[in-house]
Amino acid sequence: MDCESIQMAISDENNLTERKESGRRGRKPGRKTSSEKVDIKAKLERSRQSARECRARKKLRYQYLEELVADREKAVIALRTELERVANTMG
């Protein structure tokens, strides 16, 4: 590359960064049409429903884990009593 093409490339990069910083794209905040308001309400309702379902799944998961712990504790107690019984018969 010669000097002129390098300078053009640098000036092109500068122009791109200037445009990115100064220009704003997209919708302006605060201007919503009635259909967008309905969409937002629907989105909020979906979000609420999803949160309800998530809490229900969480509750079920905790119930399952509590039952699992209770079953394991019963097994531990049964094994300890058997161990004591065997130790008493040998000793």
C-alpha atoms as a PDB file:
ATOM      1  CA  MET A   1       0.000   0.000   0.000  1.00  0.00           C
ATOM      2  CA  ASP A   2       1.197   3.453  -0.756  1.00  0.00           C
ATOM      3  CA  CYS A   3       0.985   6.456   1.548  1.00  0.00           C
ATOM      4  CA  GLU A   4      -2.184   7.878  -0.024  1.00  0.00           C
ATOM      5  CA  SER A   5      -4.186   4.643   0.367  1.00  0.00           C
ATOM      6  CA  ILE A   6      -3.106   4.379   4.013  1.00  0.00           C
ATOM      7  CA  GLN A   7      -4.220   7.955   4.681  1.00  0.00           C
ATOM      8  CA  MET A   8      -7.572   7.288   2.966  1.00  0.00           C
ATOM      9  CA  ALA A   9      -8.104   4.176   5.057  1.00  0.00           C
ATOM     10  CA  ILE A  10      -7.374   6.125   8.255  1.00  0.00           C
ATOM     11  CA  SER A  11      -9.728   8.948   7.258  1.00  0.00           C
ATOM     12  CA  ASP A  12     -12.457   6.385   6.413  1.00  0.00           C
ATOM     13  CA  GLU A  13     -12.081   4.835   9.883  1.00  0.00           C
ATOM     14  CA  ASN A  14     -12.315   8.265  11.494  1.00  0.00           C
ATOM     15  CA  ASN A  15     -15.484   9.074   9.539  1.00  0.00           C
ATOM     16  CA  LEU A  16     -17.084   5.789  10.614  1.00  0.00           C
ATOM     17  CA  THR A  17     -16.322   6.354  14.291  1.00  0.00           C
ATOM     18  CA  GLU A  18     -17.606   9.934  14.100  1.00  0.00           C
ATOM     19  CA  ARG A  19     -20.872   8.732  12.577  1.00  0.00           C
ATOM     20  CA  LYS A  20     -21.276   6.044  15.205  1.00  0.00           C
ATOM     21  CA  GLU A  21     -20.792   8.477  18.053  1.00  0.00           C
ATOM     22  CA  SER A  22     -22.984  11.288  16.746  1.00  0.00           C
ATOM     23  CA  GLY A  23     -25.797   9.414  15.003  1.00  0.00           C
ATOM     24  CA  ARG A  24     -28.597   7.726  16.891  1.00  0.00           C
ATOM     25  CA  ARG A  25     -30.553   4.925  15.382  1.00  0.00           C
ATOM     26  CA  GLY A  26     -33.830   3.327  16.225  1.00  0.00           C
ATOM     27  CA  ARG A  27     -37.019   4.641  17.715  1.00  0.00           C
ATOM     28  CA  LYS A  28     -37.190   7.679  19.881  1.00  0.00           C
ATOM     29  CA  PRO A  29     -38.189   6.936  23.479  1.00  0.00           C
ATOM     30  CA  GLY A  30     -41.638   7.926  24.669  1.00  0.00           C
ATOM     31  CA  ARG A  31     -43.408   7.582  21.336  1.00  0.00           C
ATOM     32  CA  LYS A  32     -45.498   4.459  21.436  1.00  0.00           C
ATOM     33  CA  THR A  33     -48.473   3.614  19.334  1.00  0.00           C
ATOM     34  CA  SER A  34     -51.516   1.869  20.762  1.00  0.00           C
ATOM     35  CA  SER A  35     -50.511  -1.455  19.181  1.00  0.00           C
ATOM     36  CA  GLU A  36     -47.086  -1.194  20.825  1.00  0.00           C
ATOM     37  CA  LYS A  37     -48.777  -0.581  24.182  1.00  0.00           C
ATOM     38  CA  VAL A  38     -50.830  -3.736  23.661  1.00  0.00           C
ATOM     39  CA  ASP A  39     -47.663  -5.621  22.728  1.00  0.00           C
ATOM     40  CA  ILE A  40     -46.005  -4.392  25.925  1.00  0.00           C
ATOM     41  CA  LYS A  41     -49.002  -5.533  27.990  1.00  0.00           C
ATOM     42  CA  ALA A  42     -48.902  -8.935  26.315  1.00  0.00           C
ATOM     43  CA  LYS A  43     -45.168  -9.163  26.912  1.00  0.00           C
ATOM     44  CA  LEU A  44     -45.630  -8.292  30.590  1.00  0.00           C
ATOM     45  CA  GLU A  45     -48.353 -10.913  30.945  1.00  0.00           C
ATOM     46  CA  ARG A  46     -46.130 -13.548  29.308  1.00  0.00           C
ATOM     47  CA  SER A  47     -43.354 -12.557  31.671  1.00  0.00           C
ATOM     48  CA  ARG A  48     -45.645 -12.868  34.695  1.00  0.00           C
ATOM     49  CA  GLN A  49     -46.868 -16.270  33.517  1.00  0.00           C
ATOM     50  CA  SER A  50     -43.309 -17.425  32.976  1.00  0.00           C
ATOM     51  CA  ALA A  51     -42.372 -16.262  36.480  1.00  0.00           C
ATOM     52  CA  ARG A  52     -45.349 -18.150  37.959  1.00  0.00           C
ATOM     53  CA  GLU A  53     -44.322 -21.320  36.128  1.00  0.00           C
ATOM     54  CA  CYS A  54     -40.716 -20.900  37.229  1.00  0.00           C
ATOM     55  CA  ARG A  55     -41.769 -20.559  40.878  1.00  0.00           C
ATOM     56  CA  ALA A  56     -43.962 -23.671  40.560  1.00  0.00           C
ATOM     57  CA  ARG A  57     -41.065 -25.680  39.066  1.00  0.00           C
ATOM     58  CA  LYS A  58     -38.781 -24.437  41.834  1.00  0.00           C
ATOM     59  CA  LYS A  59     -41.309 -25.471  44.503  1.00  0.00           C
ATOM     60  CA  LEU A  60     -41.625 -28.953  42.992  1.00  0.00           C
ATOM     61  CA  ARG A  61     -37.859 -29.310  42.786  1.00  0.00           C
ATOM     62  CA  TYR A  62     -37.458 -28.397  46.462  1.00  0.00           C
ATOM     63  CA  GLN A  63     -40.227 -30.824  47.465  1.00  0.00           C
ATOM     64  CA  TYR A  64     -38.498 -33.593  45.523  1.00  0.00           C
ATOM     65  CA  LEU A  65     -35.156 -32.826  47.143  1.00  0.00           C
ATOM     66  CA  GLU A  66     -36.688 -32.723  50.628  1.00  0.00           C
ATOM     67  CA  GLU A  67     -38.297 -36.133  50.055  1.00  0.00           C
ATOM     68  CA  LEU A  68     -34.996 -37.479  48.779  1.00  0.00           C
ATOM     69  CA  VAL A  69     -33.176 -36.208  51.889  1.00  0.00           C
ATOM     70  CA  ALA A  70     -35.842 -37.689  54.170  1.00  0.00           C
ATOM     71  CA  ASP A  71     -35.534 -41.080  52.439  1.00  0.00           C
ATOM     72  CA  ARG A  72     -31.745 -41.007  52.755  1.00  0.00           C
ATOM     73  CA  GLU A  73     -31.975 -40.065  56.436  1.00  0.00           C
ATOM     74  CA  LYS A  74     -34.292 -43.027  57.035  1.00  0.00           C
ATOM     75  CA  ALA A  75     -31.794 -45.297  55.255  1.00  0.00           C
ATOM     76  CA  VAL A  76     -28.946 -43.954  57.408  1.00  0.00           C
ATOM     77  CA  ILE A  77     -30.941 -44.575  60.600  1.00  0.00           C
ATOM     78  CA  ALA A  78     -31.779 -48.115  59.461  1.00  0.00           C
ATOM     79  CA  LEU A  79     -28.129 -48.849  58.668  1.00  0.00           C
ATOM     80  CA  ARG A  80     -26.993 -47.470  62.030  1.00  0.00           C
ATOM     81  CA  THR A  81     -29.448 -49.622  63.935  1.00  0.00           C
ATOM     82  CA  GLU A  82     -28.337 -52.664  61.937  1.00  0.00           C
ATOM     83  CA  LEU A  83     -24.694 -51.793  62.617  1.00  0.00           C
ATOM     84  CA  GLU A  84     -25.401 -51.516  66.361  1.00  0.00           C
ATOM     85  CA  ARG A  85     -27.242 -54.827  66.333  1.00  0.00           C
ATOM     86  CA  VAL A  86     -24.373 -56.577  64.551  1.00  0.00           C
ATOM     87  CA  ALA A  87     -21.805 -54.960  66.868  1.00  0.00           C
ATOM     88  CA  ASN A  88     -23.767 -56.091  69.938  1.00  0.00           C
ATOM     89  CA  THR A  89     -24.030 -59.670  68.736  1.00  0.00           C
ATOM     90  CA  MET A  90     -20.290 -59.892  68.094  1.00  0.00           C
ATOM     91  CA  GLY A  91     -19.147 -58.104  71.242  1.00  0.00           C
END
